[in-house]
């Protein structure tokens, strides 16, 4: 009779063994390649070697997981203040609405 350490575990048994709340994390880690796994008849199974490797990945303090190794996102961009041609008399935030001088248009007969 094979010993319990020689059995291949299902995802539910693996979650129970490591005290995981759900199997979604197991699917995510195996799909990304962070955890070793095998497909047997279309279902995830974990060999004793796989379980030992997963245990090392979970419990070893020097192991950096992918999300810890990624750099933090950049800080949000600051909004630039709006550029206006404000007069010192009006203060900031108001556009200068004084009329501009007329220019001669090209090709017009101004004589």
N, C-alpha and C. Protein backbone atom coordinates (compact mmCIF):
# COMPACT_ATOMS: atom_id res chain seq x y z
N UNK A 1 0.85 -1.18 0.00
CA UNK A 1 0.00 0.00 0.00
C UNK A 1 0.89 1.24 0.00
N UNK A 2 0.59 2.21 -0.90
CA UNK A 2 1.43 3.41 -0.96
C UNK A 2 1.23 4.29 0.26
N UNK A 3 2.29 4.95 0.66
CA UNK A 3 2.19 5.85 1.80
C UNK A 3 1.51 7.15 1.37
N UNK A 4 0.96 7.93 2.32
CA UNK A 4 0.28 9.18 1.96
C UNK A 4 1.20 10.18 1.28
N UNK A 5 2.51 10.09 1.53
CA UNK A 5 3.41 11.05 0.90
C UNK A 5 3.66 10.71 -0.57
N UNK A 6 3.29 9.50 -1.01
CA UNK A 6 3.48 9.10 -2.40
C UNK A 6 2.27 9.39 -3.27
N UNK A 7 1.21 9.91 -2.70
CA UNK A 7 -0.03 10.14 -3.46
C UNK A 7 0.02 11.49 -4.15
N UNK A 8 -0.64 11.54 -5.28
CA UNK A 8 -0.81 12.80 -5.99
C UNK A 8 -2.02 13.50 -5.39
N UNK A 9 -1.89 14.79 -5.14
CA UNK A 9 -2.96 15.55 -4.50
C UNK A 9 -3.81 16.28 -5.53
N UNK A 10 -5.08 16.46 -5.20
CA UNK A 10 -5.96 17.30 -6.01
C UNK A 10 -5.81 18.74 -5.54
N UNK A 11 -6.42 19.65 -6.26
CA UNK A 11 -6.33 21.06 -5.86
C UNK A 11 -7.02 21.30 -4.53
N UNK A 12 -8.12 20.60 -4.25
CA UNK A 12 -8.82 20.76 -2.97
C UNK A 12 -7.97 20.23 -1.81
N UNK A 13 -7.32 19.09 -2.03
CA UNK A 13 -6.46 18.54 -0.98
C UNK A 13 -5.24 19.43 -0.74
N UNK A 14 -4.73 20.02 -1.80
CA UNK A 14 -3.59 20.94 -1.65
C UNK A 14 -4.01 22.19 -0.87
N UNK A 15 -5.20 22.71 -1.18
CA UNK A 15 -5.70 23.88 -0.45
C UNK A 15 -5.90 23.55 1.03
N UNK A 16 -6.40 22.36 1.32
CA UNK A 16 -6.60 21.95 2.71
C UNK A 16 -5.26 21.77 3.42
N UNK A 17 -4.29 21.21 2.72
CA UNK A 17 -2.99 20.96 3.34
C UNK A 17 -2.28 22.25 3.74
N UNK A 18 -2.37 23.27 2.90
CA UNK A 18 -1.69 24.54 3.19
C UNK A 18 -2.60 25.58 3.81
N UNK A 19 -3.85 25.25 4.08
CA UNK A 19 -4.76 26.17 4.74
C UNK A 19 -5.18 27.34 3.87
N UNK A 20 -5.30 27.10 2.56
CA UNK A 20 -5.73 28.15 1.65
C UNK A 20 -7.26 28.26 1.67
N UNK A 21 -7.76 29.47 1.52
CA UNK A 21 -9.21 29.69 1.57
C UNK A 21 -9.93 29.15 0.34
N UNK A 22 -9.31 29.30 -0.83
CA UNK A 22 -9.98 28.86 -2.05
C UNK A 22 -8.95 28.28 -3.01
N UNK A 23 -9.45 27.66 -4.06
CA UNK A 23 -8.58 27.06 -5.06
C UNK A 23 -8.24 28.03 -6.18
N UNK A 24 -8.81 29.22 -6.13
CA UNK A 24 -8.54 30.20 -7.18
C UNK A 24 -7.06 30.61 -7.21
N UNK A 25 -6.47 30.74 -6.04
CA UNK A 25 -5.04 31.07 -5.97
C UNK A 25 -4.18 29.96 -6.53
N UNK A 26 -4.61 28.73 -6.34
CA UNK A 26 -3.87 27.59 -6.90
C UNK A 26 -3.93 27.64 -8.42
N UNK A 27 -5.11 27.89 -8.97
CA UNK A 27 -5.25 28.01 -10.42
C UNK A 27 -4.38 29.15 -10.95
N UNK A 28 -4.40 30.28 -10.28
CA UNK A 28 -3.65 31.44 -10.73
C UNK A 28 -2.15 31.16 -10.71
N UNK A 29 -1.65 30.55 -9.64
CA UNK A 29 -0.21 30.28 -9.52
C UNK A 29 0.26 29.19 -10.47
N UNK A 30 -0.58 28.20 -10.72
CA UNK A 30 -0.17 27.16 -11.67
C UNK A 30 -0.27 27.66 -13.10
N UNK A 31 -1.26 28.47 -13.41
CA UNK A 31 -1.40 28.99 -14.77
C UNK A 31 -0.26 29.95 -15.11
N UNK A 32 0.21 30.72 -14.14
CA UNK A 32 1.30 31.65 -14.41
C UNK A 32 2.66 30.95 -14.43
N UNK A 33 2.70 29.70 -13.96
CA UNK A 33 3.96 28.96 -13.96
C UNK A 33 4.76 29.13 -12.68
N UNK A 34 4.19 29.80 -11.68
CA UNK A 34 4.89 29.98 -10.42
C UNK A 34 4.95 28.68 -9.62
N UNK A 35 3.92 27.86 -9.72
CA UNK A 35 3.87 26.59 -9.01
C UNK A 35 3.86 25.45 -10.01
N UNK A 36 4.57 24.37 -9.70
CA UNK A 36 4.55 23.21 -10.60
C UNK A 36 3.25 22.42 -10.44
N UNK A 37 2.77 21.86 -11.53
CA UNK A 37 1.56 21.05 -11.51
C UNK A 37 1.54 20.19 -12.76
N UNK A 38 0.67 19.20 -12.75
CA UNK A 38 0.49 18.32 -13.91
C UNK A 38 -0.99 18.23 -14.22
N UNK A 39 -1.30 18.02 -15.49
CA UNK A 39 -2.68 17.75 -15.89
C UNK A 39 -2.80 16.25 -16.10
N UNK A 40 -3.68 15.64 -15.32
CA UNK A 40 -3.95 14.21 -15.46
C UNK A 40 -5.42 14.07 -15.79
N UNK A 41 -5.70 13.56 -17.00
CA UNK A 41 -7.07 13.43 -17.49
C UNK A 41 -7.81 14.76 -17.44
N UNK A 42 -7.10 15.84 -17.74
CA UNK A 42 -7.70 17.16 -17.81
C UNK A 42 -7.90 17.85 -16.48
N UNK A 43 -7.37 17.28 -15.40
CA UNK A 43 -7.53 17.89 -14.08
C UNK A 43 -6.16 18.12 -13.46
N UNK A 44 -6.06 19.17 -12.63
CA UNK A 44 -4.80 19.48 -11.98
C UNK A 44 -4.49 18.45 -10.91
N UNK A 45 -3.26 17.93 -10.96
CA UNK A 45 -2.78 17.03 -9.92
C UNK A 45 -1.37 17.45 -9.54
N UNK A 46 -1.02 17.20 -8.28
CA UNK A 46 0.27 17.62 -7.75
C UNK A 46 1.00 16.40 -7.21
N UNK A 47 2.20 16.15 -7.76
CA UNK A 47 3.01 15.02 -7.31
C UNK A 47 3.65 15.38 -5.98
N UNK A 48 4.21 14.38 -5.28
CA UNK A 48 4.89 14.70 -4.02
C UNK A 48 6.04 15.69 -4.21
N UNK A 49 6.74 15.63 -5.35
CA UNK A 49 7.80 16.59 -5.63
C UNK A 49 7.22 18.00 -5.83
N UNK A 50 6.06 18.06 -6.51
CA UNK A 50 5.40 19.34 -6.71
C UNK A 50 4.98 19.94 -5.37
N UNK A 51 4.44 19.11 -4.49
CA UNK A 51 3.99 19.58 -3.18
C UNK A 51 5.18 20.10 -2.37
N UNK A 52 6.32 19.39 -2.44
CA UNK A 52 7.51 19.84 -1.71
C UNK A 52 7.99 21.19 -2.26
N UNK A 53 7.97 21.35 -3.59
CA UNK A 53 8.39 22.61 -4.20
C UNK A 53 7.44 23.74 -3.82
N UNK A 54 6.14 23.48 -3.83
CA UNK A 54 5.15 24.51 -3.45
C UNK A 54 5.33 24.89 -1.99
N UNK A 55 5.58 23.89 -1.14
CA UNK A 55 5.81 24.19 0.27
C UNK A 55 7.05 25.06 0.45
N UNK A 56 8.10 24.79 -0.33
CA UNK A 56 9.30 25.62 -0.26
C UNK A 56 9.00 27.04 -0.73
N UNK A 57 8.19 27.17 -1.78
CA UNK A 57 7.85 28.50 -2.29
C UNK A 57 7.00 29.29 -1.30
N UNK A 58 6.13 28.59 -0.58
CA UNK A 58 5.23 29.27 0.37
C UNK A 58 5.96 29.64 1.65
N UNK A 59 6.79 28.72 2.18
CA UNK A 59 7.32 28.91 3.52
C UNK A 59 8.72 29.50 3.56
N UNK A 60 9.49 29.43 2.49
CA UNK A 60 10.86 29.93 2.53
C UNK A 60 10.85 31.45 2.58
N UNK A 61 11.46 32.07 3.59
CA UNK A 61 11.36 33.53 3.74
C UNK A 61 12.11 34.32 2.67
N UNK A 62 13.13 33.73 2.06
CA UNK A 62 13.91 34.47 1.07
C UNK A 62 13.29 34.42 -0.32
N UNK A 63 12.22 33.67 -0.47
CA UNK A 63 11.60 33.54 -1.78
C UNK A 63 10.82 34.80 -2.11
N UNK A 64 11.11 35.36 -3.24
CA UNK A 64 10.34 36.53 -3.69
C UNK A 64 9.32 36.06 -4.70
N UNK A 65 8.09 36.31 -4.41
CA UNK A 65 7.05 35.97 -5.38
C UNK A 65 6.99 37.05 -6.44
N UNK A 66 6.33 36.76 -7.52
CA UNK A 66 6.31 37.67 -8.67
C UNK A 66 5.75 39.03 -8.30
N UNK A 67 4.66 39.08 -7.54
CA UNK A 67 4.05 40.39 -7.26
C UNK A 67 4.91 41.21 -6.32
N UNK A 68 5.77 40.56 -5.47
CA UNK A 68 6.67 41.30 -4.61
C UNK A 68 7.87 41.81 -5.39
N UNK A 69 8.23 41.11 -6.46
CA UNK A 69 9.41 41.48 -7.23
C UNK A 69 9.12 42.58 -8.23
N UNK A 70 7.87 42.79 -8.56
CA UNK A 70 7.55 43.83 -9.53
C UNK A 70 7.67 45.19 -8.87
N UNK A 71 8.14 46.18 -9.60
CA UNK A 71 8.27 47.51 -9.00
C UNK A 71 6.89 48.12 -8.74
N UNK A 72 6.81 49.00 -7.77
CA UNK A 72 5.51 49.62 -7.49
C UNK A 72 5.09 50.50 -8.66
N UNK A 73 3.80 50.70 -8.82
CA UNK A 73 3.34 51.55 -9.93
C UNK A 73 3.80 52.98 -9.72
N UNK A 74 3.96 53.71 -10.81
CA UNK A 74 4.39 55.11 -10.66
C UNK A 74 3.31 55.93 -9.96
N UNK A 75 3.72 57.00 -9.29
CA UNK A 75 2.72 57.82 -8.61
C UNK A 75 1.80 58.48 -9.63
N UNK A 76 0.59 58.80 -9.24
CA UNK A 76 -0.33 59.43 -10.19
C UNK A 76 0.21 60.77 -10.65
N UNK A 77 -0.06 61.08 -11.91
CA UNK A 77 0.43 62.34 -12.46
C UNK A 77 -0.32 63.51 -11.86
N UNK A 78 0.43 64.54 -11.58
CA UNK A 78 -0.18 65.74 -11.03
C UNK A 78 -0.79 66.55 -12.17
N UNK A 79 -1.93 67.12 -11.91
CA UNK A 79 -2.57 67.97 -12.92
C UNK A 79 -1.82 69.28 -13.02
N UNK A 80 -1.59 69.68 -14.24
CA UNK A 80 -0.92 70.96 -14.45
C UNK A 80 -1.93 72.08 -14.33
N UNK A 81 -1.45 73.21 -13.82
CA UNK A 81 -2.33 74.36 -13.73
C UNK A 81 -2.56 74.90 -15.12
N UNK A 82 -3.70 75.46 -15.31
CA UNK A 82 -4.07 75.97 -16.62
C UNK A 82 -3.35 77.28 -16.91
N UNK A 83 -2.78 77.36 -18.10
CA UNK A 83 -2.06 78.58 -18.47
C UNK A 83 -3.05 79.60 -19.00
N UNK A 84 -3.11 80.72 -18.36
CA UNK A 84 -3.98 81.80 -18.83
C UNK A 84 -3.17 83.07 -18.92
N UNK A 85 -3.60 83.96 -19.75
CA UNK A 85 -2.92 85.25 -19.83
C UNK A 85 -3.64 86.21 -18.89
N UNK A 86 -3.36 86.03 -17.62
CA UNK A 86 -4.06 86.81 -16.61
C UNK A 86 -3.39 88.15 -16.39
N UNK A 87 -4.18 89.12 -16.23
CA UNK A 87 -3.71 90.48 -15.93
C UNK A 87 -3.52 90.59 -14.42
N UNK A 88 -2.54 91.37 -13.97
CA UNK A 88 -2.37 91.51 -12.52
C UNK A 88 -3.57 92.16 -11.85
N UNK A 89 -4.36 92.91 -12.61
CA UNK A 89 -5.54 93.54 -12.01
C UNK A 89 -6.67 92.54 -11.80
N UNK A 90 -6.77 91.59 -12.70
CA UNK A 90 -7.87 90.63 -12.61
C UNK A 90 -7.53 89.41 -11.75
N UNK A 91 -6.27 89.13 -11.55
CA UNK A 91 -5.89 87.96 -10.78
C UNK A 91 -5.81 86.72 -11.67
N UNK A 92 -5.48 85.62 -11.10
CA UNK A 92 -5.33 84.41 -11.89
C UNK A 92 -6.69 83.77 -12.15
N UNK A 93 -6.74 83.00 -13.20
CA UNK A 93 -7.97 82.28 -13.50
C UNK A 93 -8.87 82.99 -14.49
N UNK A 94 -8.53 84.20 -14.90
CA UNK A 94 -9.34 84.93 -15.86
C UNK A 94 -8.53 85.15 -17.13
N UNK A 95 -9.14 84.95 -18.25
CA UNK A 95 -8.47 85.16 -19.52
C UNK A 95 -8.54 86.65 -19.89
N UNK A 96 -7.50 87.10 -20.54
CA UNK A 96 -7.45 88.50 -20.98
C UNK A 96 -8.33 88.64 -22.22
N UNK A 97 -9.40 89.39 -22.13
CA UNK A 97 -10.35 89.53 -23.23
C UNK A 97 -10.24 90.87 -23.93
N UNK A 98 -9.14 91.58 -23.75
CA UNK A 98 -8.98 92.85 -24.46
C UNK A 98 -8.82 92.57 -25.94
N UNK A 99 -9.38 93.44 -26.79
CA UNK A 99 -9.30 93.18 -28.23
C UNK A 99 -7.87 93.26 -28.73
N UNK A 100 -7.56 92.40 -29.67
CA UNK A 100 -6.24 92.39 -30.26
C UNK A 100 -6.19 93.38 -31.41
N UNK A 101 -5.02 93.90 -31.70
CA UNK A 101 -4.94 94.81 -32.84
C UNK A 101 -5.20 94.07 -34.14
N UNK A 102 -5.83 94.76 -35.09
CA UNK A 102 -6.13 94.15 -36.37
C UNK A 102 -4.85 94.01 -37.18
N UNK A 103 -4.75 92.93 -37.90
CA UNK A 103 -3.59 92.72 -38.74
C UNK A 103 -4.02 92.83 -40.18
N UNK A 104 -3.08 93.18 -41.02
CA UNK A 104 -3.36 93.21 -42.46
C UNK A 104 -3.41 91.78 -42.97
N UNK A 105 -4.44 91.48 -43.66
CA UNK A 105 -4.55 90.15 -44.25
C UNK A 105 -3.81 90.12 -45.57
N UNK A 106 -3.26 89.03 -45.90
CA UNK A 106 -2.57 88.89 -47.17
C UNK A 106 -3.57 88.92 -48.30
N UNK A 107 -3.21 89.62 -49.33
CA UNK A 107 -4.05 89.66 -50.51
C UNK A 107 -5.24 90.60 -50.39
N UNK A 108 -5.35 91.30 -49.30
CA UNK A 108 -6.48 92.22 -49.18
C UNK A 108 -6.07 93.59 -49.71
N UNK A 109 -7.02 94.29 -50.19
CA UNK A 109 -6.76 95.63 -50.72
C UNK A 109 -7.06 96.64 -49.62
N UNK A 110 -6.00 97.08 -48.94
CA UNK A 110 -6.20 98.04 -47.86
C UNK A 110 -5.84 99.46 -48.28
N UNK A 111 -5.52 99.66 -49.54
CA UNK A 111 -5.19 101.00 -50.00
C UNK A 111 -6.36 101.76 -50.56
